[in-house]
N, C-alpha and C. Protein backbone atom coordinates (compact mmCIF):
# COMPACT_ATOMS: atom_id res chain seq x y z
N MET A 1 -4.91 -3.62 -4.96
CA MET A 1 -3.75 -4.43 -3.94
C MET A 1 -4.45 -5.02 -3.12
N ASN A 2 -3.20 -6.21 -2.47
CA ASN A 2 -3.95 -7.01 -1.69
C ASN A 2 -3.63 -6.65 -0.19
N THR A 3 -4.36 -7.53 0.65
CA THR A 3 -3.62 -6.87 1.99
C THR A 3 -2.43 -7.22 2.76
N PRO A 4 -1.41 -7.68 1.83
CA PRO A 4 0.13 -8.20 2.06
C PRO A 4 0.70 -6.84 1.70
N GLU A 5 0.25 -6.18 0.71
CA GLU A 5 0.89 -4.95 -0.16
C GLU A 5 0.68 -4.25 0.54
N ILE A 6 -0.90 -3.84 1.22
CA ILE A 6 -0.87 -2.78 2.11
C ILE A 6 -0.70 -2.60 3.25
N VAL A 7 -0.21 -3.99 4.09
CA VAL A 7 0.64 -4.21 5.14
C VAL A 7 1.65 -3.60 5.23
N PHE A 8 2.68 -4.05 4.27
CA PHE A 8 4.00 -3.64 3.68
C PHE A 8 4.01 -2.15 3.47
N GLY A 9 2.90 -1.45 2.67
CA GLY A 9 3.11 -0.07 2.65
C GLY A 9 3.07 0.92 3.75
N TYR A 10 1.85 0.25 4.45
CA TYR A 10 2.00 1.04 6.00
C TYR A 10 3.37 0.69 6.69
N LEU A 11 3.71 -0.36 6.79
CA LEU A 11 5.08 -0.56 7.18
C LEU A 11 6.38 0.49 6.77
N GLY A 12 6.46 0.44 5.23
CA GLY A 12 7.41 1.00 4.81
C GLY A 12 6.91 2.76 5.02
N GLY A 13 5.84 3.29 5.42
CA GLY A 13 5.44 4.37 5.83
C GLY A 13 5.86 4.86 7.15
N VAL A 14 5.82 3.74 8.11
CA VAL A 14 6.27 3.57 9.31
C VAL A 14 7.98 4.12 9.45
N VAL A 15 8.61 3.36 8.51
CA VAL A 15 9.92 3.85 8.30
C VAL A 15 10.26 4.83 8.18
N ILE A 16 9.76 5.27 7.08
CA ILE A 16 9.61 6.84 6.74
C ILE A 16 9.30 7.78 7.55
N LEU A 17 8.57 7.82 8.07
CA LEU A 17 8.28 8.24 9.42
C LEU A 17 9.09 8.89 10.43
N GLY A 18 9.79 7.38 11.12
CA GLY A 18 10.63 6.99 11.96
C GLY A 18 11.76 7.86 11.40
N ALA A 19 12.32 7.77 10.33
CA ALA A 19 13.26 8.68 9.66
C ALA A 19 13.19 9.82 10.09
N PHE A 20 11.91 10.59 9.68
CA PHE A 20 12.10 11.88 9.86
C PHE A 20 12.03 12.23 11.35
N VAL A 21 11.59 11.64 12.31
CA VAL A 21 11.19 11.51 13.45
C VAL A 21 12.66 11.86 13.97
N TRP A 22 13.70 10.78 13.90
CA TRP A 22 15.20 10.77 13.87
C TRP A 22 15.82 12.05 13.47
N ILE A 23 15.57 12.33 12.26
CA ILE A 23 16.42 13.59 11.81
C ILE A 23 16.07 14.85 12.88
N GLY A 24 14.52 14.66 13.14
CA GLY A 24 14.34 16.16 13.79
C GLY A 24 14.75 16.17 15.11
N VAL A 25 14.80 14.74 15.95
CA VAL A 25 15.72 14.72 17.05
C VAL A 25 16.81 14.86 17.18
N ALA A 26 17.71 14.34 16.25
CA ALA A 26 19.32 14.40 15.99
C ALA A 26 19.45 16.25 15.75
N LEU A 27 18.92 16.67 14.61
CA LEU A 27 18.62 18.21 14.36
C LEU A 27 18.32 18.98 15.43
N HIS A 28 17.08 18.72 16.59
CA HIS A 28 17.39 19.55 17.64
C HIS A 28 18.54 19.55 18.58
N MET A 29 19.16 17.78 18.75
CA MET A 29 20.15 18.14 19.50
C MET A 29 21.15 18.77 19.32
N ALA A 30 21.47 18.66 17.51
CA ALA A 30 22.21 19.60 17.10
C ALA A 30 22.51 20.93 17.03
N TYR A 31 21.48 21.67 17.07
CA TYR A 31 20.84 22.95 17.38
C TYR A 31 21.00 23.55 18.64
N THR A 32 20.98 22.68 19.73
CA THR A 32 21.09 23.07 21.30
C THR A 32 21.69 22.61 22.19
N LYS A 33 22.61 21.24 21.98
CA LYS A 33 23.18 20.66 22.49
C LYS A 33 24.69 20.46 22.28
N LEU A 34 25.12 21.16 20.70
CA LEU A 34 26.36 20.68 20.11
C LEU A 34 27.13 21.13 20.73
N ASP A 35 27.33 22.43 21.06
CA ASP A 35 28.63 23.05 21.91
C ASP A 35 29.09 22.31 22.69
N GLU A 36 28.00 21.92 23.56
CA GLU A 36 28.07 21.26 25.17
C GLU A 36 29.15 19.91 24.90
N LEU A 37 28.29 19.22 23.82
CA LEU A 37 28.85 17.87 23.21
C LEU A 37 30.37 18.42 23.27
N LEU A 38 30.66 18.73 22.30
CA LEU A 38 32.00 19.36 21.56
C LEU A 38 32.77 19.67 22.91
N ASP A 39 32.65 20.26 23.91
CA ASP A 39 33.19 20.41 25.03
C ASP A 39 33.74 19.64 25.76
N HIS A 40 32.53 18.41 25.92
CA HIS A 40 33.05 17.27 26.67
C HIS A 40 33.88 16.22 26.07
N LEU A 41 33.89 16.56 24.87
CA LEU A 41 34.90 15.61 23.70
C LEU A 41 36.05 16.18 23.24
N LYS A 42 36.27 17.39 23.61
CA LYS A 42 37.72 18.36 23.29
C LYS A 42 38.95 17.41 23.21
N ASN A 43 39.00 16.60 23.70
CA ASN A 43 40.23 15.94 23.69
C ASN A 43 40.43 14.63 23.06
N CYS A 44 39.13 14.73 22.08
CA CYS A 44 39.38 13.46 21.54
C CYS A 44 39.50 13.88 19.78
N SER A 45 40.64 13.41 19.13
CA SER A 45 40.67 13.56 17.80
C SER A 45 39.95 13.34 16.94
N ALA A 46 38.92 12.16 17.40
CA ALA A 46 37.91 11.64 16.15
C ALA A 46 37.29 12.54 16.34
N ILE A 47 36.47 13.11 17.22
CA ILE A 47 35.55 14.22 17.57
C ILE A 47 36.51 15.70 16.76
N MET A 48 37.18 16.23 17.16
CA MET A 48 37.70 17.19 16.90
C MET A 48 37.69 17.45 15.37
N ALA A 49 38.41 16.26 14.71
CA ALA A 49 38.47 16.32 13.01
C ALA A 49 36.93 16.09 12.69
N ARG A 50 35.85 16.01 13.05
CA ARG A 50 34.74 16.39 12.68
C ARG A 50 33.97 17.87 12.70
N ALA A 51 35.06 18.25 13.85
CA ALA A 51 34.14 19.48 14.40
C ALA A 51 33.83 20.57 13.62
N PRO A 52 34.85 20.61 12.42
CA PRO A 52 34.29 21.77 11.54
C PRO A 52 32.62 21.74 10.74
N LEU A 53 32.42 20.31 10.66
CA LEU A 53 31.05 20.27 10.26
C LEU A 53 30.28 21.04 10.84
N ARG A 54 30.05 21.43 11.91
CA ARG A 54 29.16 22.22 12.88
C ARG A 54 28.49 23.64 12.06
N HIS A 55 29.82 24.08 10.98
CA HIS A 55 29.66 25.25 10.12
C HIS A 55 28.95 24.70 8.90
N GLY A 56 28.57 23.70 8.67
CA GLY A 56 28.21 23.04 7.68
C GLY A 56 26.53 23.31 7.32
N GLY A 57 25.64 23.76 7.87
CA GLY A 57 24.40 24.09 8.20
C GLY A 57 23.53 22.61 8.70
N PRO A 58 22.54 22.61 8.30
CA PRO A 58 21.62 21.32 9.08
C PRO A 58 22.37 20.14 8.49
N TRP A 59 22.91 20.08 7.39
CA TRP A 59 23.35 18.70 6.64
C TRP A 59 24.64 18.45 7.57
N GLY A 60 25.74 19.35 7.61
CA GLY A 60 26.63 18.89 8.75
C GLY A 60 26.31 18.76 10.26
N LYS A 61 25.80 19.68 10.84
CA LYS A 61 25.24 19.08 12.03
C LYS A 61 24.79 17.82 12.40
N LEU A 62 23.68 17.08 11.04
CA LEU A 62 23.48 15.95 11.08
C LEU A 62 24.46 15.05 11.00
N LEU A 63 25.19 15.40 10.21
CA LEU A 63 26.67 14.46 10.01
C LEU A 63 27.75 14.38 11.33
N LEU A 64 27.60 15.55 11.85
CA LEU A 64 28.34 15.51 13.42
C LEU A 64 27.62 14.81 14.33
N ILE A 65 26.62 15.02 14.48
CA ILE A 65 25.81 14.41 15.54
C ILE A 65 25.69 12.89 15.46
N GLY A 66 25.82 12.37 14.19
CA GLY A 66 26.07 11.17 13.67
C GLY A 66 27.06 10.51 13.84
N GLY A 67 28.03 11.50 13.47
CA GLY A 67 29.63 10.91 13.94
C GLY A 67 29.67 10.82 15.66
N ILE A 68 29.25 11.39 16.11
CA ILE A 68 29.57 11.75 17.53
C ILE A 68 28.86 10.85 18.08
N SER A 69 27.06 10.30 17.87
CA SER A 69 26.77 9.04 18.55
C SER A 69 27.65 7.61 18.32
N GLY A 70 27.88 7.40 16.80
CA GLY A 70 28.73 6.23 16.59
C GLY A 70 29.91 6.09 17.07
N ILE A 71 30.58 7.32 17.55
CA ILE A 71 31.67 7.44 18.18
C ILE A 71 31.54 6.97 19.67
N VAL A 72 30.09 7.58 20.56
CA VAL A 72 30.42 7.25 21.87
C VAL A 72 29.83 5.98 22.06
N THR A 73 28.67 5.60 20.95
CA THR A 73 28.31 4.27 21.47
C THR A 73 29.00 2.80 21.10
N PHE A 74 29.98 2.92 20.32
CA PHE A 74 31.01 2.08 19.65
C PHE A 74 32.47 2.88 19.88
N PRO A 75 32.63 3.19 21.28
CA PRO A 75 33.68 3.40 21.42
C PRO A 75 35.12 2.77 21.35
N GLY A 76 35.06 1.47 21.02
CA GLY A 76 36.22 0.27 21.04
C GLY A 76 37.50 1.00 20.37
N PHE A 77 36.58 0.66 18.94
CA PHE A 77 37.94 1.08 17.93
C PHE A 77 38.61 2.35 17.93
N TYR A 78 37.74 3.61 18.39
CA TYR A 78 38.93 4.79 18.50
C TYR A 78 39.67 4.65 19.87
N LEU A 79 39.17 3.93 20.69
CA LEU A 79 39.79 3.89 21.76
C LEU A 79 41.59 3.40 21.65
N LYS A 80 41.35 2.00 20.87
CA LYS A 80 42.56 1.43 20.67
C LYS A 80 43.33 2.31 19.67
N ARG A 81 42.97 2.80 18.81
CA ARG A 81 43.55 3.88 17.74
C ARG A 81 44.10 5.34 18.40
N GLY A 82 43.78 5.29 19.72
CA GLY A 82 43.92 6.66 20.28
C GLY A 82 43.54 7.86 19.60
N GLU A 83 42.26 7.46 19.11
CA GLU A 83 41.65 8.69 18.72
C GLU A 83 40.28 9.46 19.43
N LEU A 84 40.01 8.44 20.81
CA LEU A 84 39.29 8.76 21.76
C LEU A 84 39.93 8.61 22.82
N SER A 85 39.69 10.05 23.83
CA SER A 85 40.46 9.71 25.35
C SER A 85 39.30 9.25 25.95
N ALA A 86 40.34 8.31 26.59
CA ALA A 86 39.23 7.46 27.60
C ALA A 86 38.77 8.58 28.93
N GLU A 87 39.52 9.45 29.15
CA GLU A 87 39.39 10.19 30.16
C GLU A 87 38.01 11.31 30.06
N ASP A 88 37.86 11.60 28.88
CA ASP A 88 36.87 12.49 28.02
C ASP A 88 35.34 11.50 28.48
N LEU A 89 35.65 9.91 27.59
CA LEU A 89 34.32 9.43 27.64
C LEU A 89 34.36 8.94 29.18
N ASN A 90 34.49 8.79 29.89
CA ASN A 90 34.36 8.04 31.33
C ASN A 90 33.63 9.46 32.09
N HIS A 91 33.95 11.03 31.53
CA HIS A 91 33.54 12.13 32.08
C HIS A 91 31.93 12.56 31.72
N PHE A 92 31.71 11.65 30.22
CA PHE A 92 30.89 12.31 29.32
C PHE A 92 29.73 11.89 30.37
N PRO A 93 28.66 13.11 30.14
CA PRO A 93 27.42 12.97 30.75
C PRO A 93 26.54 11.65 30.60
N LEU A 94 26.05 11.04 31.75
CA LEU A 94 25.34 9.64 31.18
C LEU A 94 24.32 9.95 30.08
N PRO A 95 23.00 11.15 30.59
CA PRO A 95 22.12 11.46 29.87
C PRO A 95 22.08 11.77 28.08
N PHE A 96 23.47 12.56 28.10
CA PHE A 96 23.81 12.95 26.69
C PHE A 96 24.36 10.96 26.19
N LYS A 97 24.80 10.04 26.73
CA LYS A 97 25.71 9.17 26.41
C LYS A 97 24.25 8.14 25.81
N ARG A 98 23.27 8.25 27.34
CA ARG A 98 22.06 7.58 26.39
C ARG A 98 21.31 7.91 25.17
N LYS A 99 21.18 8.99 25.02
CA LYS A 99 20.19 9.83 23.84
C LYS A 99 21.49 9.25 22.63
N LEU A 100 22.32 9.95 22.50
CA LEU A 100 23.08 9.35 21.58
C LEU A 100 23.10 8.10 20.90
N ALA A 101 23.28 6.83 21.97
CA ALA A 101 23.09 5.65 21.96
C ALA A 101 22.07 4.96 21.34
N TRP A 102 20.59 5.72 22.07
CA TRP A 102 19.61 5.91 21.69
C TRP A 102 19.57 6.44 19.85
N LEU A 103 19.97 7.47 19.48
CA LEU A 103 19.88 7.49 18.44
C LEU A 103 20.64 6.98 17.13
N GLN A 104 21.80 6.11 17.41
CA GLN A 104 22.57 5.43 16.96
C GLN A 104 22.28 4.03 16.81
N TRP A 105 21.41 3.58 17.88
CA TRP A 105 20.51 2.46 17.49
C TRP A 105 19.34 2.53 16.95
N SER A 106 18.28 3.42 17.20
CA SER A 106 17.53 3.66 16.22
C SER A 106 17.75 3.66 14.73
N VAL A 107 18.62 4.40 14.50
CA VAL A 107 18.66 4.79 12.95
C VAL A 107 19.27 3.03 12.50
N ILE A 108 19.99 2.60 13.15
CA ILE A 108 20.79 0.84 12.66
C ILE A 108 19.41 0.29 12.66
N GLY A 109 18.21 0.24 13.77
CA GLY A 109 17.27 -0.27 13.67
C GLY A 109 16.18 0.12 12.39
N LEU A 110 16.26 1.39 12.15
CA LEU A 110 15.20 1.90 11.09
C LEU A 110 16.08 1.45 9.33
N LEU A 111 17.24 1.49 9.08
CA LEU A 111 17.97 0.96 8.27
C LEU A 111 17.73 -0.70 8.10
N GLY A 112 17.90 -1.33 9.14
CA GLY A 112 17.67 -2.66 9.12
C GLY A 112 16.30 -2.99 8.49
N PHE A 113 15.13 -2.71 9.16
CA PHE A 113 13.66 -2.69 8.75
C PHE A 113 13.56 -2.36 7.83
N ALA A 114 14.13 -1.31 7.14
CA ALA A 114 13.85 -0.82 5.36
C ALA A 114 14.80 -1.96 4.51
N PHE A 115 15.46 -2.06 4.90
CA PHE A 115 16.14 -3.28 4.07
C PHE A 115 15.32 -4.67 4.18
N LEU A 116 14.88 -5.27 5.61
CA LEU A 116 14.04 -6.21 5.66
C LEU A 116 12.72 -5.74 4.88
N LEU A 117 12.23 -4.95 4.72
CA LEU A 117 10.93 -4.65 3.86
C LEU A 117 11.52 -4.93 2.42
N TRP A 118 12.53 -4.39 2.40
CA TRP A 118 12.97 -4.30 0.80
C TRP A 118 13.37 -5.56 0.13
N GLY A 119 14.12 -6.26 0.86
CA GLY A 119 14.11 -7.75 0.85
C GLY A 119 13.23 -8.06 0.50
N ILE A 120 11.87 -8.23 1.49
CA ILE A 120 11.11 -9.46 1.50
C ILE A 120 9.93 -8.68 0.28
N GLY A 121 10.08 -7.68 -0.07
CA GLY A 121 9.15 -7.33 -1.32
C GLY A 121 10.13 -8.12 -2.61
N LYS A 122 11.41 -8.06 -2.76
CA LYS A 122 12.36 -8.13 -3.84
C LYS A 122 11.58 -9.88 -3.85
N ILE A 123 11.75 -10.64 -2.63
CA ILE A 123 11.47 -12.19 -2.68
C ILE A 123 9.96 -12.63 -3.17
N VAL A 124 9.25 -11.54 -3.20
CA VAL A 124 7.72 -11.84 -3.19
C VAL A 124 7.78 -11.50 -4.48
N GLY A 125 8.21 -10.74 -5.02
CA GLY A 125 8.36 -9.99 -6.32
C GLY A 125 7.33 -8.85 -6.55
N TRP A 126 7.16 -8.13 -5.55
CA TRP A 126 6.39 -6.74 -5.41
C TRP A 126 7.19 -5.70 -6.16
N HIS A 127 8.49 -5.72 -6.33
CA HIS A 127 9.38 -4.55 -6.54
C HIS A 127 10.14 -5.40 -7.60
N GLU A 128 9.62 -5.65 -8.87
CA GLU A 128 10.51 -5.90 -9.94
C GLU A 128 11.01 -4.97 -10.88
């Protein structure tokens, strides 16, 4: 292995480690704050349609937190369709909004960085 391959290997490891940290933070939030999050968004049909996922074990809770973070971070689509209550969103606690936005943007960044590494590896020919 040459130096660039080692560097890209370590960067891939950082992506995997980041994914595990992200999953841990999301699951911690799901197991400790999920009921509170759902109480704040009880008038939102987009959230309530996903609410049964909380009974789906760790995977269901992870999907629910991911869905809530996407809806809270990018509310425009759901507001236009009437699936998100503007009043609920306006009264949603700012610390939760920040943490959910951080979760959403960090997973977007992790996936983007992973695809960038994969693409560079394909161009260079490491992954034939």
